[in-house]
Amino acid sequence: MGDDTRLSILNGKDIELDDHLTGRILAAYEEITTNHDLDRHYIYELYYETNYRGGWVFIGNNIKDWDGTTMPGEL
């Protein structure tokens, strides 16, 4: 797949988090394997929190399909 959606959290010019979102989604869900599958799911909610050192940690996700159903899970 040519899609490489990333999330980068910066503190000034310093990168605090660089996360490969497409890779997380494709690795977590057997139902999502192609670009067409990614397009059918239109809301991707990814949850992060800071850790005690001030860094960012991924804690979970929720993906909503076109028909309104959700696919909660751990990525």
PDB file of N, CA and C in Angstrom:
ATOM      1  N   MET A   1       0.833  -1.174   0.000  1.00  0.00           N
ATOM      2  CA  MET A   1       0.000   0.000   0.000  1.00  0.00           C
ATOM      3  C   MET A   1       0.879   1.239   0.000  1.00  0.00           C
ATOM      4  N   GLY A   2       0.471   2.239  -0.734  1.00  0.00           N
ATOM      5  CA  GLY A   2       1.231   3.463  -0.802  1.00  0.00           C
ATOM      6  C   GLY A   2       0.840   4.477   0.254  1.00  0.00           C
ATOM      7  N   ASP A   3      -0.178   4.178   1.059  1.00  0.00           N
ATOM      8  CA  ASP A   3      -0.642   5.121   2.069  1.00  0.00           C
ATOM      9  C   ASP A   3       0.240   5.006   3.303  1.00  0.00           C
ATOM     10  N   ASP A   4       0.755   6.149   3.759  1.00  0.00           N
ATOM     11  CA  ASP A   4       1.625   6.152   4.924  1.00  0.00           C
ATOM     12  C   ASP A   4       1.206   7.294   5.832  1.00  0.00           C
ATOM     13  N   THR A   5       0.025   7.189   6.435  1.00  0.00           N
ATOM     14  CA  THR A   5      -0.471   8.233   7.318  1.00  0.00           C
ATOM     15  C   THR A   5       0.249   8.141   8.641  1.00  0.00           C
ATOM     16  N   ARG A   6       0.795   9.268   9.081  1.00  0.00           N
ATOM     17  CA  ARG A   6       1.553   9.319  10.318  1.00  0.00           C
ATOM     18  C   ARG A   6       1.004  10.408  11.221  1.00  0.00           C
ATOM     19  N   LEU A   7       1.229  10.237  12.510  1.00  0.00           N
ATOM     20  CA  LEU A   7       0.924  11.260  13.498  1.00  0.00           C
ATOM     21  C   LEU A   7       2.246  11.683  14.118  1.00  0.00           C
ATOM     22  N   SER A   8       2.539  12.968  14.043  1.00  0.00           N
ATOM     23  CA  SER A   8       3.745  13.500  14.667  1.00  0.00           C
ATOM     24  C   SER A   8       3.335  14.562  15.679  1.00  0.00           C
ATOM     25  N   ILE A   9       3.818  14.423  16.900  1.00  0.00           N
ATOM     26  CA  ILE A   9       3.595  15.420  17.942  1.00  0.00           C
ATOM     27  C   ILE A   9       4.930  16.097  18.188  1.00  0.00           C
ATOM     28  N   LEU A  10       4.930  17.415  18.022  1.00  0.00           N
ATOM     29  CA  LEU A  10       6.165  18.183  18.143  1.00  0.00           C
ATOM     30  C   LEU A  10       6.154  19.036  19.399  1.00  0.00           C
ATOM     31  N   ASN A  11       7.328  19.260  19.925  1.00  0.00           N
ATOM     32  CA  ASN A  11       7.542  20.228  20.993  1.00  0.00           C
ATOM     33  C   ASN A  11       8.576  21.198  20.438  1.00  0.00           C
ATOM     34  N   GLY A  12       8.110  22.296  19.850  1.00  0.00           N
ATOM     35  CA  GLY A  12       9.009  23.162  19.090  1.00  0.00           C
ATOM     36  C   GLY A  12       9.431  22.423  17.840  1.00  0.00           C
ATOM     37  N   LYS A  13      10.735  22.225  17.671  1.00  0.00           N
ATOM     38  CA  LYS A  13      11.238  21.472  16.521  1.00  0.00           C
ATOM     39  C   LYS A  13      11.540  20.020  16.863  1.00  0.00           C
ATOM     40  N   ASP A  14      11.427  19.678  18.150  1.00  0.00           N
ATOM     41  CA  ASP A  14      11.713  18.314  18.594  1.00  0.00           C
ATOM     42  C   ASP A  14      10.488  17.424  18.406  1.00  0.00           C
ATOM     43  N   ILE A  15      10.695  16.249  17.822  1.00  0.00           N
ATOM     44  CA  ILE A  15       9.609  15.278  17.638  1.00  0.00           C
ATOM     45  C   ILE A  15       9.468  14.472  18.921  1.00  0.00           C
ATOM     46  N   GLU A  16       8.297  14.563  19.557  1.00  0.00           N
ATOM     47  CA  GLU A  16       8.038  13.795  20.771  1.00  0.00           C
ATOM     48  C   GLU A  16       7.402  12.446  20.464  1.00  0.00           C
ATOM     49  N   LEU A  17       6.644  12.369  19.360  1.00  0.00           N
ATOM     50  CA  LEU A  17       6.017  11.116  18.957  1.00  0.00           C
ATOM     51  C   LEU A  17       5.897  11.114  17.444  1.00  0.00           C
ATOM     52  N   ASP A  18       6.290  10.016  16.816  1.00  0.00           N
ATOM     53  CA  ASP A  18       6.082   9.817  15.380  1.00  0.00           C
ATOM     54  C   ASP A  18       5.488   8.424  15.227  1.00  0.00           C
ATOM     55  N   ASP A  19       4.191   8.364  14.942  1.00  0.00           N
ATOM     56  CA  ASP A  19       3.464   7.095  14.947  1.00  0.00           C
ATOM     57  C   ASP A  19       2.922   6.784  13.559  1.00  0.00           C
ATOM     58  N   HIS A  20       3.155   5.581  13.081  1.00  0.00           N
ATOM     59  CA  HIS A  20       2.688   5.129  11.775  1.00  0.00           C
ATOM     60  C   HIS A  20       1.262   4.594  11.917  1.00  0.00           C
ATOM     61  N   LEU A  21       0.270   5.450  11.675  1.00  0.00           N
ATOM     62  CA  LEU A  21      -1.131   5.103  11.923  1.00  0.00           C
ATOM     63  C   LEU A  21      -1.650   4.025  10.994  1.00  0.00           C
ATOM     64  N   THR A  22      -1.338   4.125   9.706  1.00  0.00           N
ATOM     65  CA  THR A  22      -1.822   3.114   8.757  1.00  0.00           C
ATOM     66  C   THR A  22      -1.310   1.743   9.144  1.00  0.00           C
ATOM     67  N   GLY A  23      -0.062   1.652   9.520  1.00  0.00           N
ATOM     68  CA  GLY A  23       0.507   0.373   9.942  1.00  0.00           C
ATOM     69  C   GLY A  23      -0.177  -0.188  11.175  1.00  0.00           C
ATOM     70  N   ARG A  24      -0.502   0.676  12.141  1.00  0.00           N
ATOM     71  CA  ARG A  24      -1.224   0.227  13.343  1.00  0.00           C
ATOM     72  C   ARG A  24      -2.574  -0.386  12.976  1.00  0.00           C
ATOM     73  N   ILE A  25      -3.311   0.302  12.109  1.00  0.00           N
ATOM     74  CA  ILE A  25      -4.654  -0.160  11.726  1.00  0.00           C
ATOM     75  C   ILE A  25      -4.581  -1.471  10.960  1.00  0.00           C
ATOM     76  N   LEU A  26      -3.682  -1.556   9.977  1.00  0.00           N
ATOM     77  CA  LEU A  26      -3.574  -2.766   9.167  1.00  0.00           C
ATOM     78  C   LEU A  26      -3.118  -3.963   9.993  1.00  0.00           C
ATOM     79  N   ALA A  27      -2.266  -3.739  10.981  1.00  0.00           N
ATOM     80  CA  ALA A  27      -1.783  -4.840  11.811  1.00  0.00           C
ATOM     81  C   ALA A  27      -2.838  -5.322  12.804  1.00  0.00           C
ATOM     82  N   ALA A  28      -3.759  -4.450  13.187  1.00  0.00           N
ATOM     83  CA  ALA A  28      -4.710  -4.788  14.246  1.00  0.00           C
ATOM     84  C   ALA A  28      -5.983  -5.463  13.758  1.00  0.00           C
ATOM     85  N   TYR A  29      -6.403  -5.190  12.535  1.00  0.00           N
ATOM     86  CA  TYR A  29      -7.708  -5.664  12.078  1.00  0.00           C
ATOM     87  C   TYR A  29      -7.583  -6.535  10.832  1.00  0.00           C
ATOM     88  N   GLU A  30      -7.993  -7.781  10.932  1.00  0.00           N
ATOM     89  CA  GLU A  30      -7.988  -8.674   9.780  1.00  0.00           C
ATOM     90  C   GLU A  30      -8.945  -8.194   8.696  1.00  0.00           C
ATOM     91  N   GLU A  31     -10.009  -7.463   9.087  1.00  0.00           N
ATOM     92  CA  GLU A  31     -11.017  -6.998   8.139  1.00  0.00           C
ATOM     93  C   GLU A  31     -10.513  -5.863   7.250  1.00  0.00           C
ATOM     94  N   ILE A  32      -9.426  -5.218   7.640  1.00  0.00           N
ATOM     95  CA  ILE A  32      -8.897  -4.079   6.887  1.00  0.00           C
ATOM     96  C   ILE A  32      -7.560  -4.490   6.283  1.00  0.00           C
ATOM     97  N   THR A  33      -7.582  -4.740   4.958  1.00  0.00           N
ATOM     98  CA  THR A  33      -6.348  -5.186   4.302  1.00  0.00           C
ATOM     99  C   THR A  33      -6.001  -4.366   3.060  1.00  0.00           C
ATOM    100  N   THR A  34      -6.960  -3.604   2.518  1.00  0.00           N
ATOM    101  CA  THR A  34      -6.724  -2.850   1.287  1.00  0.00           C
ATOM    102  C   THR A  34      -7.102  -1.386   1.480  1.00  0.00           C
ATOM    103  N   ASN A  35      -6.743  -0.543   0.510  1.00  0.00           N
ATOM    104  CA  ASN A  35      -7.143   0.861   0.551  1.00  0.00           C
ATOM    105  C   ASN A  35      -8.667   0.994   0.542  1.00  0.00           C
ATOM    106  N   HIS A  36      -9.356   0.111  -0.192  1.00  0.00           N
ATOM    107  CA  HIS A  36     -10.826   0.123  -0.216  1.00  0.00           C
ATOM    108  C   HIS A  36     -11.385  -0.133   1.184  1.00  0.00           C
ATOM    109  N   ASP A  37     -10.780  -1.083   1.904  1.00  0.00           N
ATOM    110  CA  ASP A  37     -11.215  -1.368   3.276  1.00  0.00           C
ATOM    111  C   ASP A  37     -11.002  -0.151   4.174  1.00  0.00           C
ATOM    112  N   LEU A  38      -9.877   0.528   4.034  1.00  0.00           N
ATOM    113  CA  LEU A  38      -9.614   1.737   4.827  1.00  0.00           C
ATOM    114  C   LEU A  38     -10.649   2.810   4.544  1.00  0.00           C
ATOM    115  N   ASP A  39     -11.064   2.939   3.281  1.00  0.00           N
ATOM    116  CA  ASP A  39     -12.042   3.962   2.886  1.00  0.00           C
ATOM    117  C   ASP A  39     -13.431   3.699   3.470  1.00  0.00           C
ATOM    118  N   ARG A  40     -13.776   2.439   3.695  1.00  0.00           N
ATOM    119  CA  ARG A  40     -15.108   2.110   4.229  1.00  0.00           C
ATOM    120  C   ARG A  40     -15.266   2.514   5.690  1.00  0.00           C
ATOM    121  N   HIS A  41     -14.171   2.663   6.380  1.00  0.00           N
ATOM    122  CA  HIS A  41     -14.190   3.067   7.783  1.00  0.00           C
ATOM    123  C   HIS A  41     -13.830   4.542   7.811  1.00  0.00           C
ATOM    124  N   TYR A  42     -14.782   5.371   8.198  1.00  0.00           N
ATOM    125  CA  TYR A  42     -14.585   6.798   7.984  1.00  0.00           C
ATOM    126  C   TYR A  42     -14.209   7.591   9.220  1.00  0.00           C
ATOM    127  N   ILE A  43     -14.301   7.019  10.405  1.00  0.00           N
ATOM    128  CA  ILE A  43     -13.863   7.732  11.604  1.00  0.00           C
ATOM    129  C   ILE A  43     -12.861   6.843  12.344  1.00  0.00           C
ATOM    130  N   TYR A  44     -11.656   7.335  12.477  1.00  0.00           N
ATOM    131  CA  TYR A  44     -10.607   6.639  13.211  1.00  0.00           C
ATOM    132  C   TYR A  44     -10.266   7.485  14.434  1.00  0.00           C
ATOM    133  N   GLU A  45     -10.594   6.985  15.613  1.00  0.00           N
ATOM    134  CA  GLU A  45     -10.268   7.682  16.851  1.00  0.00           C
ATOM    135  C   GLU A  45      -9.126   6.922  17.517  1.00  0.00           C
ATOM    136  N   LEU A  46      -8.017   7.594  17.719  1.00  0.00           N
ATOM    137  CA  LEU A  46      -6.866   6.992  18.373  1.00  0.00           C
ATOM    138  C   LEU A  46      -6.587   7.792  19.634  1.00  0.00           C
ATOM    139  N   TYR A  47      -6.387   7.105  20.742  1.00  0.00           N
ATOM    140  CA  TYR A  47      -6.250   7.763  22.037  1.00  0.00           C
ATOM    141  C   TYR A  47      -4.821   7.643  22.549  1.00  0.00           C
ATOM    142  N   TYR A  48      -4.261   8.764  22.947  1.00  0.00           N
ATOM    143  CA  TYR A  48      -2.917   8.840  23.496  1.00  0.00           C
ATOM    144  C   TYR A  48      -2.980   9.563  24.834  1.00  0.00           C
ATOM    145  N   GLU A  49      -2.012   9.292  25.693  1.00  0.00           N
ATOM    146  CA  GLU A  49      -1.875  10.057  26.925  1.00  0.00           C
ATOM    147  C   GLU A  49      -0.386  10.249  27.198  1.00  0.00           C
ATOM    148  N   THR A  50      -0.094  11.187  28.058  1.00  0.00           N
ATOM    149  CA  THR A  50       1.317  11.406  28.399  1.00  0.00           C
ATOM    150  C   THR A  50       1.710  10.460  29.520  1.00  0.00           C
ATOM    151  N   ASN A  51       2.967  10.057  29.506  1.00  0.00           N
ATOM    152  CA  ASN A  51       3.461   9.218  30.587  1.00  0.00           C
ATOM    153  C   ASN A  51       4.160  10.089  31.627  1.00  0.00           C
ATOM    154  N   TYR A  52       4.664   9.483  32.669  1.00  0.00           N
ATOM    155  CA  TYR A  52       5.257  10.245  33.767  1.00  0.00           C
ATOM    156  C   TYR A  52       6.519  11.003  33.360  1.00  0.00           C
ATOM    157  N   ARG A  53       7.140  10.648  32.243  1.00  0.00           N
ATOM    158  CA  ARG A  53       8.325  11.360  31.750  1.00  0.00           C
ATOM    159  C   ARG A  53       7.970  12.464  30.762  1.00  0.00           C
ATOM    160  N   GLY A  54       6.690  12.653  30.485  1.00  0.00           N
ATOM    161  CA  GLY A  54       6.278  13.683  29.539  1.00  0.00           C
ATOM    162  C   GLY A  54       6.171  13.194  28.106  1.00  0.00           C
ATOM    163  N   GLY A  55       6.429  11.897  27.857  1.00  0.00           N
ATOM    164  CA  GLY A  55       6.293  11.335  26.520  1.00  0.00           C
ATOM    165  C   GLY A  55       4.852  10.924  26.250  1.00  0.00           C
ATOM    166  N   TRP A  56       4.588  10.500  25.038  1.00  0.00           N
ATOM    167  CA  TRP A  56       3.239  10.108  24.628  1.00  0.00           C
ATOM    168  C   TRP A  56       3.157   8.604  24.467  1.00  0.00           C
ATOM    169  N   VAL A  57       2.010   8.019  24.916  1.00  0.00           N
ATOM    170  CA  VAL A  57       1.792   6.574  24.854  1.00  0.00           C
ATOM    171  C   VAL A  57       0.431   6.318  24.218  1.00  0.00           C
ATOM    172  N   PHE A  58       0.388   5.408  23.234  1.00  0.00           N
ATOM    173  CA  PHE A  58      -0.876   5.005  22.627  1.00  0.00           C
ATOM    174  C   PHE A  58      -1.633   4.138  23.622  1.00  0.00           C
ATOM    175  N   ILE A  59      -2.942   4.425  23.828  1.00  0.00           N
ATOM    176  CA  ILE A  59      -3.710   3.638  24.801  1.00  0.00           C
ATOM    177  C   ILE A  59      -4.909   2.912  24.210  1.00  0.00           C
ATOM    178  N   GLY A  60      -5.361   3.266  23.004  1.00  0.00           N
ATOM    179  CA  GLY A  60      -6.505   2.545  22.440  1.00  0.00           C
ATOM    180  C   GLY A  60      -7.086   3.231  21.228  1.00  0.00           C
ATOM    181  N   ASN A  61      -8.146   2.635  20.693  1.00  0.00           N
ATOM    182  CA  ASN A  61      -8.745   3.132  19.464  1.00  0.00           C
ATOM    183  C   ASN A  61     -10.225   2.799  19.372  1.00  0.00           C
ATOM    184  N   ASN A  62     -10.892   3.458  18.447  1.00  0.00           N
ATOM    185  CA  ASN A  62     -12.275   3.158  18.099  1.00  0.00           C
ATOM    186  C   ASN A  62     -12.434   3.519  16.626  1.00  0.00           C
ATOM    187  N   ILE A  63     -12.931   2.588  15.829  1.00  0.00           N
ATOM    188  CA  ILE A  63     -13.095   2.816  14.401  1.00  0.00           C
ATOM    189  C   ILE A  63     -14.565   2.654  14.055  1.00  0.00           C
ATOM    190  N   LYS A  64     -15.136   3.639  13.365  1.00  0.00           N
ATOM    191  CA  LYS A  64     -16.546   3.577  12.980  1.00  0.00           C
ATOM    192  C   LYS A  64     -16.681   3.310  11.485  1.00  0.00           C
ATOM    193  N   ASP A  65     -17.582   2.413  11.155  1.00  0.00           N
ATOM    194  CA  ASP A  65     -17.843   2.015   9.778  1.00  0.00           C
ATOM    195  C   ASP A  65     -18.921   2.916   9.178  1.00  0.00           C
ATOM    196  N   TRP A  66     -19.113   2.824   7.861  1.00  0.00           N
ATOM    197  CA  TRP A  66     -20.127   3.639   7.186  1.00  0.00           C
ATOM    198  C   TRP A  66     -21.523   3.412   7.745  1.00  0.00           C
ATOM    199  N   ASP A  67     -21.818   2.196   8.227  1.00  0.00           N
ATOM    200  CA  ASP A  67     -23.148   1.923   8.745  1.00  0.00           C
ATOM    201  C   ASP A  67     -23.300   2.290  10.221  1.00  0.00           C
ATOM    202  N   GLY A  68     -22.268   2.869  10.829  1.00  0.00           N
ATOM    203  CA  GLY A  68     -22.360   3.335  12.202  1.00  0.00           C
ATOM    204  C   GLY A  68     -21.835   2.352  13.239  1.00  0.00           C
ATOM    205  N   THR A  69     -21.509   1.127  12.814  1.00  0.00           N
ATOM    206  CA  THR A  69     -20.982   0.172  13.776  1.00  0.00           C
ATOM    207  C   THR A  69     -19.551   0.541  14.130  1.00  0.00           C
ATOM    208  N   THR A  70     -19.128   0.151  15.306  1.00  0.00           N
ATOM    209  CA  THR A  70     -17.763   0.447  15.743  1.00  0.00           C
ATOM    210  C   THR A  70     -16.968  -0.836  15.885  1.00  0.00           C
ATOM    211  N   MET A  71     -15.665  -0.696  15.773  1.00  0.00           N
ATOM    212  CA  MET A  71     -14.746  -1.805  15.951  1.00  0.00           C
ATOM    213  C   MET A  71     -13.739  -1.415  17.020  1.00  0.00           C
ATOM    214  N   PRO A  72     -14.129  -1.478  18.299  1.00  0.00           N
ATOM    215  CA  PRO A  72     -13.180  -1.111  19.344  1.00  0.00           C
ATOM    216  C   PRO A  72     -12.085  -2.167  19.437  1.00  0.00           C
ATOM    217  N   GLY A  73     -10.933  -1.760  19.859  1.00  0.00           N
ATOM    218  CA  GLY A  73      -9.855  -2.725  19.991  1.00  0.00           C
ATOM    219  C   GLY A  73      -8.579  -2.080  20.458  1.00  0.00           C
ATOM    220  N   GLU A  74      -7.603  -2.878  20.654  1.00  0.00           N
ATOM    221  CA  GLU A  74      -6.280  -2.410  21.027  1.00  0.00           C
ATOM    222  C   GLU A  74      -5.388  -2.527  19.804  1.00  0.00           C
ATOM    223  N   LEU A  75      -4.728  -1.453  19.464  1.00  0.00           N
ATOM    224  CA  LEU A  75      -3.815  -1.500  18.316  1.00  0.00           C
ATOM    225  C   LEU A  75      -2.415  -1.827  18.775  1.00  0.00           C
TER     226      LEU A  75
END
